[in-house]
Amino acid sequence: MPKHQALQDGLGLIFEGIRKLNEAFPNRKFTIDGRLVGDIGEVIAELEYDVVLHDVSQPAYDGETSDGRRVQIKATFKNQLTFKTTPDYFLGFKLFQDGSYEEVYNGPGNLICSGRDLI
């Protein structure tokens, strides 16, 4: 396959996936040049954990649990997950290309040090 065609086909699939994510989760704005990976992590937290996401992103946390804990959510396809502040509660996910994920941290932020890499 010519490289130009591979680029066109690959981008078409990416944008088709983004369209599907936006339709399924209208409270998030999945964009190719924005916070796509972070938004995927937030959706996992909302679907699988006791987390209600904020409609508008907050600088230090992404949502709250039913008992009022503020939660910072991070996700990555890479082999490290870094955060800069110490959140009240932290959820960290390693994402895989097949759509699966691994929880790498689920707990109080004070048990981890800011600036530390997880995974």
C-alpha atoms as a PDB file:
ATOM      1  CA  MET A   1       0.000   0.000   0.000  1.00  0.00           C
ATOM      2  CA  PRO A   2       1.387   3.432  -0.887  1.00  0.00           C
ATOM      3  CA  LYS A   3       2.315   5.555   2.120  1.00  0.00           C
ATOM      4  CA  HIS A   4      -0.104   8.343   1.206  1.00  0.00           C
ATOM      5  CA  GLN A   5      -2.969   5.845   1.125  1.00  0.00           C
ATOM      6  CA  ALA A   6      -1.861   4.333   4.450  1.00  0.00           C
ATOM      7  CA  LEU A   7      -1.866   7.814   6.001  1.00  0.00           C
ATOM      8  CA  GLN A   8      -5.316   8.582   4.612  1.00  0.00           C
ATOM      9  CA  ASP A   9      -6.754   5.229   5.712  1.00  0.00           C
ATOM     10  CA  GLY A  10      -5.169   5.409   9.169  1.00  0.00           C
ATOM     11  CA  LEU A  11      -6.469   8.917   9.850  1.00  0.00           C
ATOM     12  CA  GLY A  12      -9.911   7.867   8.618  1.00  0.00           C
ATOM     13  CA  LEU A  13      -9.996   5.071  11.178  1.00  0.00           C
ATOM     14  CA  ILE A  14      -8.806   7.373  13.964  1.00  0.00           C
ATOM     15  CA  PHE A  15     -11.499   9.946  13.199  1.00  0.00           C
ATOM     16  CA  GLU A  16     -14.148   7.228  12.917  1.00  0.00           C
ATOM     17  CA  GLY A  17     -13.142   6.051  16.394  1.00  0.00           C
ATOM     18  CA  ILE A  18     -13.259   9.601  17.755  1.00  0.00           C
ATOM     19  CA  ARG A  19     -16.733  10.078  16.260  1.00  0.00           C
ATOM     20  CA  LYS A  20     -17.947   6.885  17.956  1.00  0.00           C
ATOM     21  CA  LEU A  21     -16.486   7.962  21.311  1.00  0.00           C
ATOM     22  CA  ASN A  22     -18.121  11.406  21.045  1.00  0.00           C
ATOM     23  CA  GLU A  23     -21.495   9.823  20.281  1.00  0.00           C
ATOM     24  CA  ALA A  24     -21.260   7.367  23.184  1.00  0.00           C
ATOM     25  CA  PHE A  25     -19.915   9.877  25.730  1.00  0.00           C
ATOM     26  CA  PRO A  26     -21.324  13.322  24.874  1.00  0.00           C
ATOM     27  CA  ASN A  27     -20.102  14.824  28.162  1.00  0.00           C
ATOM     28  CA  ARG A  28     -16.502  14.490  26.885  1.00  0.00           C
ATOM     29  CA  LYS A  29     -14.977  16.153  23.822  1.00  0.00           C
ATOM     30  CA  PHE A  30     -12.646  13.608  22.234  1.00  0.00           C
ATOM     31  CA  THR A  31     -10.310  15.387  19.812  1.00  0.00           C
ATOM     32  CA  ILE A  32      -7.259  14.221  17.909  1.00  0.00           C
ATOM     33  CA  ASP A  33      -5.100  17.107  19.110  1.00  0.00           C
ATOM     34  CA  GLY A  34      -6.499  17.502  22.574  1.00  0.00           C
ATOM     35  CA  ARG A  35      -6.827  15.248  25.561  1.00  0.00           C
ATOM     36  CA  LEU A  36      -7.839  12.044  23.787  1.00  0.00           C
ATOM     37  CA  VAL A  37      -5.894   9.627  26.007  1.00  0.00           C
ATOM     38  CA  GLY A  38      -6.874  11.465  29.189  1.00  0.00           C
ATOM     39  CA  ASP A  39     -10.537  11.493  28.192  1.00  0.00           C
ATOM     40  CA  ILE A  40     -10.395   7.734  27.542  1.00  0.00           C
ATOM     41  CA  GLY A  41      -9.009   7.228  31.067  1.00  0.00           C
ATOM     42  CA  GLU A  42     -11.774   9.391  32.515  1.00  0.00           C
ATOM     43  CA  VAL A  43     -14.453   7.404  30.699  1.00  0.00           C
ATOM     44  CA  ILE A  44     -12.984   4.140  32.045  1.00  0.00           C
ATOM     45  CA  ALA A  45     -13.118   5.594  35.565  1.00  0.00           C
ATOM     46  CA  GLU A  46     -16.732   6.667  35.100  1.00  0.00           C
ATOM     47  CA  LEU A  47     -17.777   3.289  33.667  1.00  0.00           C
ATOM     48  CA  GLU A  48     -15.860   0.988  36.000  1.00  0.00           C
ATOM     49  CA  TYR A  49     -15.403   2.928  39.238  1.00  0.00           C
ATOM     50  CA  ASP A  50     -17.439   5.013  41.662  1.00  0.00           C
ATOM     51  CA  VAL A  51     -16.574   8.288  39.904  1.00  0.00           C
ATOM     52  CA  VAL A  52     -18.792  11.052  38.556  1.00  0.00           C
ATOM     53  CA  LEU A  53     -16.868  13.231  36.118  1.00  0.00           C
ATOM     54  CA  HIS A  54     -17.112  16.998  36.087  1.00  0.00           C
ATOM     55  CA  ASP A  55     -18.658  18.465  32.947  1.00  0.00           C
ATOM     56  CA  VAL A  56     -15.820  20.986  32.771  1.00  0.00           C
ATOM     57  CA  SER A  57     -12.264  19.848  33.412  1.00  0.00           C
ATOM     58  CA  GLN A  58     -10.740  21.063  36.660  1.00  0.00           C
ATOM     59  CA  PRO A  59      -6.986  21.674  36.995  1.00  0.00           C
ATOM     60  CA  ALA A  60      -6.350  19.358  39.963  1.00  0.00           C
ATOM     61  CA  TYR A  61      -9.023  16.670  39.676  1.00  0.00           C
ATOM     62  CA  ASP A  62     -11.406  15.114  37.165  1.00  0.00           C
ATOM     63  CA  GLY A  63     -14.353  13.981  39.259  1.00  0.00           C
ATOM     64  CA  GLU A  64     -15.669  12.854  42.621  1.00  0.00           C
ATOM     65  CA  THR A  65     -16.634   9.587  44.266  1.00  0.00           C
ATOM     66  CA  SER A  66     -20.058   9.143  45.860  1.00  0.00           C
ATOM     67  CA  ASP A  67     -18.483   9.763  49.281  1.00  0.00           C
ATOM     68  CA  GLY A  68     -17.047  13.126  48.151  1.00  0.00           C
ATOM     69  CA  ARG A  69     -13.403  12.256  47.440  1.00  0.00           C
ATOM     70  CA  ARG A  70     -11.909  14.326  44.628  1.00  0.00           C
ATOM     71  CA  VAL A  71     -10.238  12.077  42.053  1.00  0.00           C
ATOM     72  CA  GLN A  72      -7.405  12.747  39.618  1.00  0.00           C
ATOM     73  CA  ILE A  73      -7.412  10.299  36.674  1.00  0.00           C
ATOM     74  CA  LYS A  74      -4.428   9.635  34.421  1.00  0.00           C
ATOM     75  CA  ALA A  75      -4.006   7.243  31.514  1.00  0.00           C
ATOM     76  CA  THR A  76      -1.194   6.418  29.116  1.00  0.00           C
ATOM     77  CA  PHE A  77      -0.224   4.076  26.307  1.00  0.00           C
ATOM     78  CA  LYS A  78       3.416   4.499  27.332  1.00  0.00           C
ATOM     79  CA  ASN A  79       5.403   2.757  30.050  1.00  0.00           C
ATOM     80  CA  GLN A  80       5.257   5.569  32.577  1.00  0.00           C
ATOM     81  CA  LEU A  81       2.572   7.669  34.157  1.00  0.00           C
ATOM     82  CA  THR A  82       3.699  10.926  35.741  1.00  0.00           C
ATOM     83  CA  PHE A  83       1.696  13.409  37.762  1.00  0.00           C
ATOM     84  CA  LYS A  84       2.749  16.800  39.071  1.00  0.00           C
ATOM     85  CA  THR A  85       0.530  17.357  42.106  1.00  0.00           C
ATOM     86  CA  THR A  86      -0.625  15.140  44.949  1.00  0.00           C
ATOM     87  CA  PRO A  87      -4.359  14.567  44.518  1.00  0.00           C
ATOM     88  CA  ASP A  88      -6.839  13.539  47.213  1.00  0.00           C
ATOM     89  CA  TYR A  89      -7.424  10.279  45.346  1.00  0.00           C
ATOM     90  CA  PHE A  90      -5.687   8.953  42.250  1.00  0.00           C
ATOM     91  CA  LEU A  91      -6.644   6.456  39.527  1.00  0.00           C
ATOM     92  CA  GLY A  92      -3.953   5.508  36.995  1.00  0.00           C
ATOM     93  CA  PHE A  93      -4.442   3.330  33.909  1.00  0.00           C
ATOM     94  CA  LYS A  94      -2.121   1.760  31.343  1.00  0.00           C
ATOM     95  CA  LEU A  95      -4.011   1.531  28.042  1.00  0.00           C
ATOM     96  CA  PHE A  96      -3.432  -1.015  25.288  1.00  0.00           C
ATOM     97  CA  GLN A  97      -4.138  -0.776  21.571  1.00  0.00           C
ATOM     98  CA  ASP A  98      -6.739  -3.565  21.688  1.00  0.00           C
ATOM     99  CA  GLY A  99      -8.927  -1.420  23.978  1.00  0.00           C
ATOM    100  CA  SER A 100      -8.014  -3.205  27.194  1.00  0.00           C
ATOM    101  CA  TYR A 101      -6.436  -1.475  30.155  1.00  0.00           C
ATOM    102  CA  GLU A 102      -4.636  -2.205  33.392  1.00  0.00           C
ATOM    103  CA  GLU A 103      -5.169  -0.344  36.637  1.00  0.00           C
ATOM    104  CA  VAL A 104      -1.724   0.729  37.854  1.00  0.00           C
ATOM    105  CA  TYR A 105      -2.860   2.724  40.885  1.00  0.00           C
ATOM    106  CA  ASN A 106      -6.123   3.133  42.782  1.00  0.00           C
ATOM    107  CA  GLY A 107      -5.742   4.875  46.092  1.00  0.00           C
ATOM    108  CA  PRO A 108      -5.041   7.944  48.177  1.00  0.00           C
ATOM    109  CA  GLY A 109      -2.758  10.457  46.542  1.00  0.00           C
ATOM    110  CA  ASN A 110      -0.773  10.992  49.739  1.00  0.00           C
ATOM    111  CA  LEU A 111       0.699   7.485  49.426  1.00  0.00           C
ATOM    112  CA  ILE A 112       2.507   8.483  46.243  1.00  0.00           C
ATOM    113  CA  CYS A 113       4.902  11.373  45.759  1.00  0.00           C
ATOM    114  CA  SER A 114       4.307  14.086  43.177  1.00  0.00           C
ATOM    115  CA  GLY A 115       6.755  13.932  40.288  1.00  0.00           C
ATOM    116  CA  ARG A 116       7.052  10.144  40.581  1.00  0.00           C
ATOM    117  CA  ASP A 117       6.564   7.812  37.639  1.00  0.00           C
ATOM    118  CA  LEU A 118       4.105   4.949  38.024  1.00  0.00           C
ATOM    119  CA  ILE A 119       4.108   1.705  36.004  1.00  0.00           C
END
